[in-house]
Amino acid sequence: MLAWRVSISLHAAFFIVALEEALDSYDKPTIFNSDEGSQFTSTAFTAVLHREKIAISMEGKGVPA
């Protein structure tokens, strides 16, 4: 885990902020692994991963990554 935040919602924008914070603070990973939650499969979130050329790996929805 490179960045974290606490929220009562699953809005993608909230998760994008944490992702971009991690990308600004640490070396860029080659793979981002998560479950298939809507926040991680959203167009906006995956666009950041594509822009940064980070491969996407997803486990089943609700399965811990």
PDB file of N, CA and C in Angstrom:
ATOM      1  N   MET A   1       0.848  -1.157   0.000  1.00  0.00           N
ATOM      2  CA  MET A   1       0.000   0.000   0.000  1.00  0.00           C
ATOM      3  C   MET A   1       0.902   1.229   0.000  1.00  0.00           C
ATOM      4  N   LEU A   2       0.676   2.116  -0.966  1.00  0.00           N
ATOM      5  CA  LEU A   2       1.510   3.304  -1.083  1.00  0.00           C
ATOM      6  C   LEU A   2       0.781   4.585  -0.707  1.00  0.00           C
ATOM      7  N   ALA A   3      -0.530   4.549  -0.718  1.00  0.00           N
ATOM      8  CA  ALA A   3      -1.327   5.710  -0.304  1.00  0.00           C
ATOM      9  C   ALA A   3      -2.685   5.205   0.157  1.00  0.00           C
ATOM     10  N   TRP A   4      -3.299   5.924   1.087  1.00  0.00           N
ATOM     11  CA  TRP A   4      -4.613   5.506   1.551  1.00  0.00           C
ATOM     12  C   TRP A   4      -5.413   6.719   1.993  1.00  0.00           C
ATOM     13  N   ARG A   5      -6.710   6.551   1.999  1.00  0.00           N
ATOM     14  CA  ARG A   5      -7.646   7.578   2.436  1.00  0.00           C
ATOM     15  C   ARG A   5      -8.855   6.855   3.020  1.00  0.00           C
ATOM     16  N   VAL A   6      -9.637   7.554   3.826  1.00  0.00           N
ATOM     17  CA  VAL A   6     -10.852   6.987   4.401  1.00  0.00           C
ATOM     18  C   VAL A   6     -12.044   7.743   3.832  1.00  0.00           C
ATOM     19  N   SER A   7     -13.048   6.984   3.390  1.00  0.00           N
ATOM     20  CA  SER A   7     -14.245   7.598   2.818  1.00  0.00           C
ATOM     21  C   SER A   7     -15.441   6.698   3.073  1.00  0.00           C
ATOM     22  N   ILE A   8     -16.617   7.298   3.089  1.00  0.00           N
ATOM     23  CA  ILE A   8     -17.839   6.501   3.206  1.00  0.00           C
ATOM     24  C   ILE A   8     -18.454   6.243   1.833  1.00  0.00           C
ATOM     25  N   SER A   9     -17.782   6.692   0.772  1.00  0.00           N
ATOM     26  CA  SER A   9     -18.303   6.477  -0.580  1.00  0.00           C
ATOM     27  C   SER A   9     -17.298   5.692  -1.418  1.00  0.00           C
ATOM     28  N   LEU A  10     -17.761   5.217  -2.548  1.00  0.00           N
ATOM     29  CA  LEU A  10     -16.889   4.500  -3.482  1.00  0.00           C
ATOM     30  C   LEU A  10     -16.719   5.284  -4.780  1.00  0.00           C
ATOM     31  N   HIS A  11     -16.815   6.605  -4.705  1.00  0.00           N
ATOM     32  CA  HIS A  11     -16.673   7.428  -5.901  1.00  0.00           C
ATOM     33  C   HIS A  11     -15.250   7.320  -6.439  1.00  0.00           C
ATOM     34  N   ALA A  12     -15.133   7.113  -7.738  1.00  0.00           N
ATOM     35  CA  ALA A  12     -13.829   6.918  -8.362  1.00  0.00           C
ATOM     36  C   ALA A  12     -12.896   8.098  -8.128  1.00  0.00           C
ATOM     37  N   ALA A  13     -13.421   9.318  -8.123  1.00  0.00           N
ATOM     38  CA  ALA A  13     -12.574  10.504  -7.959  1.00  0.00           C
ATOM     39  C   ALA A  13     -11.771  10.438  -6.665  1.00  0.00           C
ATOM     40  N   PHE A  14     -12.369   9.930  -5.622  1.00  0.00           N
ATOM     41  CA  PHE A  14     -11.693   9.792  -4.335  1.00  0.00           C
ATOM     42  C   PHE A  14     -10.491   8.853  -4.456  1.00  0.00           C
ATOM     43  N   PHE A  15     -10.662   7.760  -5.179  1.00  0.00           N
ATOM     44  CA  PHE A  15      -9.595   6.774  -5.344  1.00  0.00           C
ATOM     45  C   PHE A  15      -8.522   7.267  -6.305  1.00  0.00           C
ATOM     46  N   ILE A  16      -8.917   8.081  -7.268  1.00  0.00           N
ATOM     47  CA  ILE A  16      -7.947   8.656  -8.198  1.00  0.00           C
ATOM     48  C   ILE A  16      -6.986   9.575  -7.457  1.00  0.00           C
ATOM     49  N   VAL A  17      -7.491  10.342  -6.501  1.00  0.00           N
ATOM     50  CA  VAL A  17      -6.625  11.216  -5.699  1.00  0.00           C
ATOM     51  C   VAL A  17      -5.566  10.384  -4.974  1.00  0.00           C
ATOM     52  N   ALA A  18      -5.966   9.285  -4.363  1.00  0.00           N
ATOM     53  CA  ALA A  18      -5.008   8.422  -3.660  1.00  0.00           C
ATOM     54  C   ALA A  18      -4.011   7.806  -4.637  1.00  0.00           C
ATOM     55  N   LEU A  19      -4.494   7.372  -5.801  1.00  0.00           N
ATOM     56  CA  LEU A  19      -3.601   6.799  -6.814  1.00  0.00           C
ATOM     57  C   LEU A  19      -2.576   7.830  -7.270  1.00  0.00           C
ATOM     58  N   GLU A  20      -3.031   9.031  -7.593  1.00  0.00           N
ATOM     59  CA  GLU A  20      -2.105  10.060  -8.073  1.00  0.00           C
ATOM     60  C   GLU A  20      -1.126  10.485  -6.980  1.00  0.00           C
ATOM     61  N   GLU A  21      -1.564  10.479  -5.730  1.00  0.00           N
ATOM     62  CA  GLU A  21      -0.660  10.768  -4.616  1.00  0.00           C
ATOM     63  C   GLU A  21       0.445   9.715  -4.549  1.00  0.00           C
ATOM     64  N   ALA A  22       0.085   8.463  -4.697  1.00  0.00           N
ATOM     65  CA  ALA A  22       1.080   7.386  -4.683  1.00  0.00           C
ATOM     66  C   ALA A  22       2.035   7.510  -5.866  1.00  0.00           C
ATOM     67  N   LEU A  23       1.499   7.828  -7.047  1.00  0.00           N
ATOM     68  CA  LEU A  23       2.349   7.965  -8.231  1.00  0.00           C
ATOM     69  C   LEU A  23       3.319   9.132  -8.093  1.00  0.00           C
ATOM     70  N   ASP A  24       2.893  10.194  -7.408  1.00  0.00           N
ATOM     71  CA  ASP A  24       3.765  11.351  -7.191  1.00  0.00           C
ATOM     72  C   ASP A  24       4.832  11.082  -6.137  1.00  0.00           C
ATOM     73  N   SER A  25       4.582  10.138  -5.242  1.00  0.00           N
ATOM     74  CA  SER A  25       5.470   9.912  -4.100  1.00  0.00           C
ATOM     75  C   SER A  25       6.429   8.739  -4.262  1.00  0.00           C
ATOM     76  N   TYR A  26       6.101   7.799  -5.136  1.00  0.00           N
ATOM     77  CA  TYR A  26       6.886   6.567  -5.255  1.00  0.00           C
ATOM     78  C   TYR A  26       7.151   6.236  -6.716  1.00  0.00           C
ATOM     79  N   ASP A  27       8.062   5.290  -6.945  1.00  0.00           N
ATOM     80  CA  ASP A  27       8.303   4.813  -8.304  1.00  0.00           C
ATOM     81  C   ASP A  27       7.021   4.225  -8.866  1.00  0.00           C
ATOM     82  N   LYS A  28       6.810   4.422 -10.148  1.00  0.00           N
ATOM     83  CA  LYS A  28       5.604   3.920 -10.799  1.00  0.00           C
ATOM     84  C   LYS A  28       5.651   2.394 -10.877  1.00  0.00           C
ATOM     85  N   PRO A  29       4.581   1.730 -10.465  1.00  0.00           N
ATOM     86  CA  PRO A  29       4.552   0.264 -10.558  1.00  0.00           C
ATOM     87  C   PRO A  29       4.326  -0.177 -12.005  1.00  0.00           C
ATOM     88  N   THR A  30       4.660  -1.412 -12.293  1.00  0.00           N
ATOM     89  CA  THR A  30       4.368  -1.943 -13.626  1.00  0.00           C
ATOM     90  C   THR A  30       2.965  -2.527 -13.680  1.00  0.00           C
ATOM     91  N   ILE A  31       2.438  -2.960 -12.510  1.00  0.00           N
ATOM     92  CA  ILE A  31       1.108  -3.584 -12.442  1.00  0.00           C
ATOM     93  C   ILE A  31       0.338  -2.989 -11.268  1.00  0.00           C
ATOM     94  N   PHE A  32      -0.965  -2.736 -11.484  1.00  0.00           N
ATOM     95  CA  PHE A  32      -1.865  -2.324 -10.405  1.00  0.00           C
ATOM     96  C   PHE A  32      -2.870  -3.444 -10.227  1.00  0.00           C
ATOM     97  N   ASN A  33      -2.885  -4.081  -9.053  1.00  0.00           N
ATOM     98  CA  ASN A  33      -3.801  -5.185  -8.780  1.00  0.00           C
ATOM     99  C   ASN A  33      -4.873  -4.745  -7.793  1.00  0.00           C
ATOM    100  N   SER A  34      -6.119  -5.055  -8.107  1.00  0.00           N
ATOM    101  CA  SER A  34      -7.242  -4.713  -7.225  1.00  0.00           C
ATOM    102  C   SER A  34      -8.350  -5.730  -7.442  1.00  0.00           C
ATOM    103  N   ASP A  35      -9.452  -5.555  -6.705  1.00  0.00           N
ATOM    104  CA  ASP A  35     -10.632  -6.350  -7.014  1.00  0.00           C
ATOM    105  C   ASP A  35     -11.400  -5.629  -8.130  1.00  0.00           C
ATOM    106  N   GLU A  36     -12.555  -6.140  -8.495  1.00  0.00           N
ATOM    107  CA  GLU A  36     -13.326  -5.549  -9.593  1.00  0.00           C
ATOM    108  C   GLU A  36     -14.387  -4.569  -9.097  1.00  0.00           C
ATOM    109  N   GLY A  37     -14.097  -3.881  -8.001  1.00  0.00           N
ATOM    110  CA  GLY A  37     -15.015  -2.876  -7.493  1.00  0.00           C
ATOM    111  C   GLY A  37     -15.227  -1.761  -8.506  1.00  0.00           C
ATOM    112  N   SER A  38     -16.394  -1.149  -8.459  1.00  0.00           N
ATOM    113  CA  SER A  38     -16.747  -0.126  -9.451  1.00  0.00           C
ATOM    114  C   SER A  38     -15.781   1.049  -9.452  1.00  0.00           C
ATOM    115  N   GLN A  39     -15.183   1.358  -8.314  1.00  0.00           N
ATOM    116  CA  GLN A  39     -14.239   2.466  -8.268  1.00  0.00           C
ATOM    117  C   GLN A  39     -12.977   2.156  -9.066  1.00  0.00           C
ATOM    118  N   PHE A  40     -12.584   0.888  -9.133  1.00  0.00           N
ATOM    119  CA  PHE A  40     -11.376   0.497  -9.855  1.00  0.00           C
ATOM    120  C   PHE A  40     -11.640   0.193 -11.326  1.00  0.00           C
ATOM    121  N   THR A  41     -12.865  -0.160 -11.678  1.00  0.00           N
ATOM    122  CA  THR A  41     -13.196  -0.453 -13.076  1.00  0.00           C
ATOM    123  C   THR A  41     -13.746   0.768 -13.800  1.00  0.00           C
ATOM    124  N   SER A  42     -13.903   1.882 -13.097  1.00  0.00           N
ATOM    125  CA  SER A  42     -14.452   3.089 -13.727  1.00  0.00           C
ATOM    126  C   SER A  42     -13.542   3.572 -14.851  1.00  0.00           C
ATOM    127  N   THR A  43     -14.154   4.215 -15.820  1.00  0.00           N
ATOM    128  CA  THR A  43     -13.408   4.762 -16.953  1.00  0.00           C
ATOM    129  C   THR A  43     -12.355   5.756 -16.482  1.00  0.00           C
ATOM    130  N   ALA A  44     -12.704   6.599 -15.538  1.00  0.00           N
ATOM    131  CA  ALA A  44     -11.769   7.624 -15.061  1.00  0.00           C
ATOM    132  C   ALA A  44     -10.553   7.002 -14.374  1.00  0.00           C
ATOM    133  N   PHE A  45     -10.775   5.991 -13.531  1.00  0.00           N
ATOM    134  CA  PHE A  45      -9.669   5.365 -12.802  1.00  0.00           C
ATOM    135  C   PHE A  45      -8.761   4.602 -13.762  1.00  0.00           C
ATOM    136  N   THR A  46      -9.353   3.798 -14.641  1.00  0.00           N
ATOM    137  CA  THR A  46      -8.523   3.026 -15.574  1.00  0.00           C
ATOM    138  C   THR A  46      -7.810   3.938 -16.567  1.00  0.00           C
ATOM    139  N   ALA A  47      -8.385   5.111 -16.860  1.00  0.00           N
ATOM    140  CA  ALA A  47      -7.718   6.058 -17.762  1.00  0.00           C
ATOM    141  C   ALA A  47      -6.392   6.532 -17.173  1.00  0.00           C
ATOM    142  N   VAL A  48      -6.356   6.740 -15.863  1.00  0.00           N
ATOM    143  CA  VAL A  48      -5.104   7.140 -15.211  1.00  0.00           C
ATOM    144  C   VAL A  48      -4.073   6.024 -15.354  1.00  0.00           C
ATOM    145  N   LEU A  49      -4.490   4.789 -15.127  1.00  0.00           N
ATOM    146  CA  LEU A  49      -3.562   3.661 -15.263  1.00  0.00           C
ATOM    147  C   LEU A  49      -3.064   3.525 -16.697  1.00  0.00           C
ATOM    148  N   HIS A  50      -3.959   3.683 -17.669  1.00  0.00           N
ATOM    149  CA  HIS A  50      -3.549   3.614 -19.082  1.00  0.00           C
ATOM    150  C   HIS A  50      -2.591   4.756 -19.421  1.00  0.00           C
ATOM    151  N   ARG A  51      -2.923   5.961 -18.970  1.00  0.00           N
ATOM    152  CA  ARG A  51      -2.069   7.129 -19.238  1.00  0.00           C
ATOM    153  C   ARG A  51      -0.659   6.903 -18.707  1.00  0.00           C
ATOM    154  N   GLU A  52      -0.563   6.280 -17.540  1.00  0.00           N
ATOM    155  CA  GLU A  52       0.729   6.031 -16.905  1.00  0.00           C
ATOM    156  C   GLU A  52       1.380   4.733 -17.388  1.00  0.00           C
ATOM    157  N   LYS A  53       0.692   4.034 -18.305  1.00  0.00           N
ATOM    158  CA  LYS A  53       1.197   2.767 -18.859  1.00  0.00           C
ATOM    159  C   LYS A  53       1.434   1.724 -17.759  1.00  0.00           C
ATOM    160  N   ILE A  54       0.464   1.623 -16.854  1.00  0.00           N
ATOM    161  CA  ILE A  54       0.493   0.643 -15.770  1.00  0.00           C
ATOM    162  C   ILE A  54      -0.479  -0.478 -16.129  1.00  0.00           C
ATOM    163  N   ALA A  55       0.004  -1.703 -16.141  1.00  0.00           N
ATOM    164  CA  ALA A  55      -0.854  -2.852 -16.451  1.00  0.00           C
ATOM    165  C   ALA A  55      -1.897  -3.028 -15.352  1.00  0.00           C
ATOM    166  N   ILE A  56      -3.087  -3.474 -15.747  1.00  0.00           N
ATOM    167  CA  ILE A  56      -4.195  -3.647 -14.811  1.00  0.00           C
ATOM    168  C   ILE A  56      -4.427  -5.134 -14.567  1.00  0.00           C
ATOM    169  N   SER A  57      -4.471  -5.512 -13.290  1.00  0.00           N
ATOM    170  CA  SER A  57      -4.757  -6.884 -12.881  1.00  0.00           C
ATOM    171  C   SER A  57      -5.895  -6.828 -11.877  1.00  0.00           C
ATOM    172  N   MET A  58      -6.963  -7.600 -12.124  1.00  0.00           N
ATOM    173  CA  MET A  58      -8.113  -7.571 -11.219  1.00  0.00           C
ATOM    174  C   MET A  58      -8.542  -8.966 -10.817  1.00  0.00           C
ATOM    175  N   GLU A  59      -8.808  -9.110  -9.527  1.00  0.00           N
ATOM    176  CA  GLU A  59      -9.377 -10.333  -8.972  1.00  0.00           C
ATOM    177  C   GLU A  59     -10.888 -10.201  -9.059  1.00  0.00           C
ATOM    178  N   GLY A  60     -11.618 -11.236  -8.697  1.00  0.00           N
ATOM    179  CA  GLY A  60     -13.073 -11.177  -8.711  1.00  0.00           C
ATOM    180  C   GLY A  60     -13.605 -10.104  -7.779  1.00  0.00           C
ATOM    181  N   LYS A  61     -14.783  -9.599  -8.058  1.00  0.00           N
ATOM    182  CA  LYS A  61     -15.385  -8.548  -7.242  1.00  0.00           C
ATOM    183  C   LYS A  61     -15.493  -9.009  -5.793  1.00  0.00           C
ATOM    184  N   GLY A  62     -14.959  -8.196  -4.898  1.00  0.00           N
ATOM    185  CA  GLY A  62     -15.004  -8.499  -3.475  1.00  0.00           C
ATOM    186  C   GLY A  62     -13.892  -9.411  -2.980  1.00  0.00           C
ATOM    187  N   VAL A  63     -13.045  -9.893  -3.874  1.00  0.00           N
ATOM    188  CA  VAL A  63     -11.931 -10.768  -3.486  1.00  0.00           C
ATOM    189  C   VAL A  63     -10.739  -9.889  -3.125  1.00  0.00           C
ATOM    190  N   PRO A  64     -10.158 -10.042  -1.950  1.00  0.00           N
ATOM    191  CA  PRO A  64      -8.999  -9.221  -1.588  1.00  0.00           C
ATOM    192  C   PRO A  64      -7.872  -9.382  -2.595  1.00  0.00           C
ATOM    193  N   ALA A  65      -7.278  -8.279  -2.982  1.00  0.00           N
ATOM    194  CA  ALA A  65      -6.193  -8.304  -3.971  1.00  0.00           C
ATOM    195  C   ALA A  65      -4.891  -8.715  -3.327  1.00  0.00           C
TER     196      ALA A  65
END
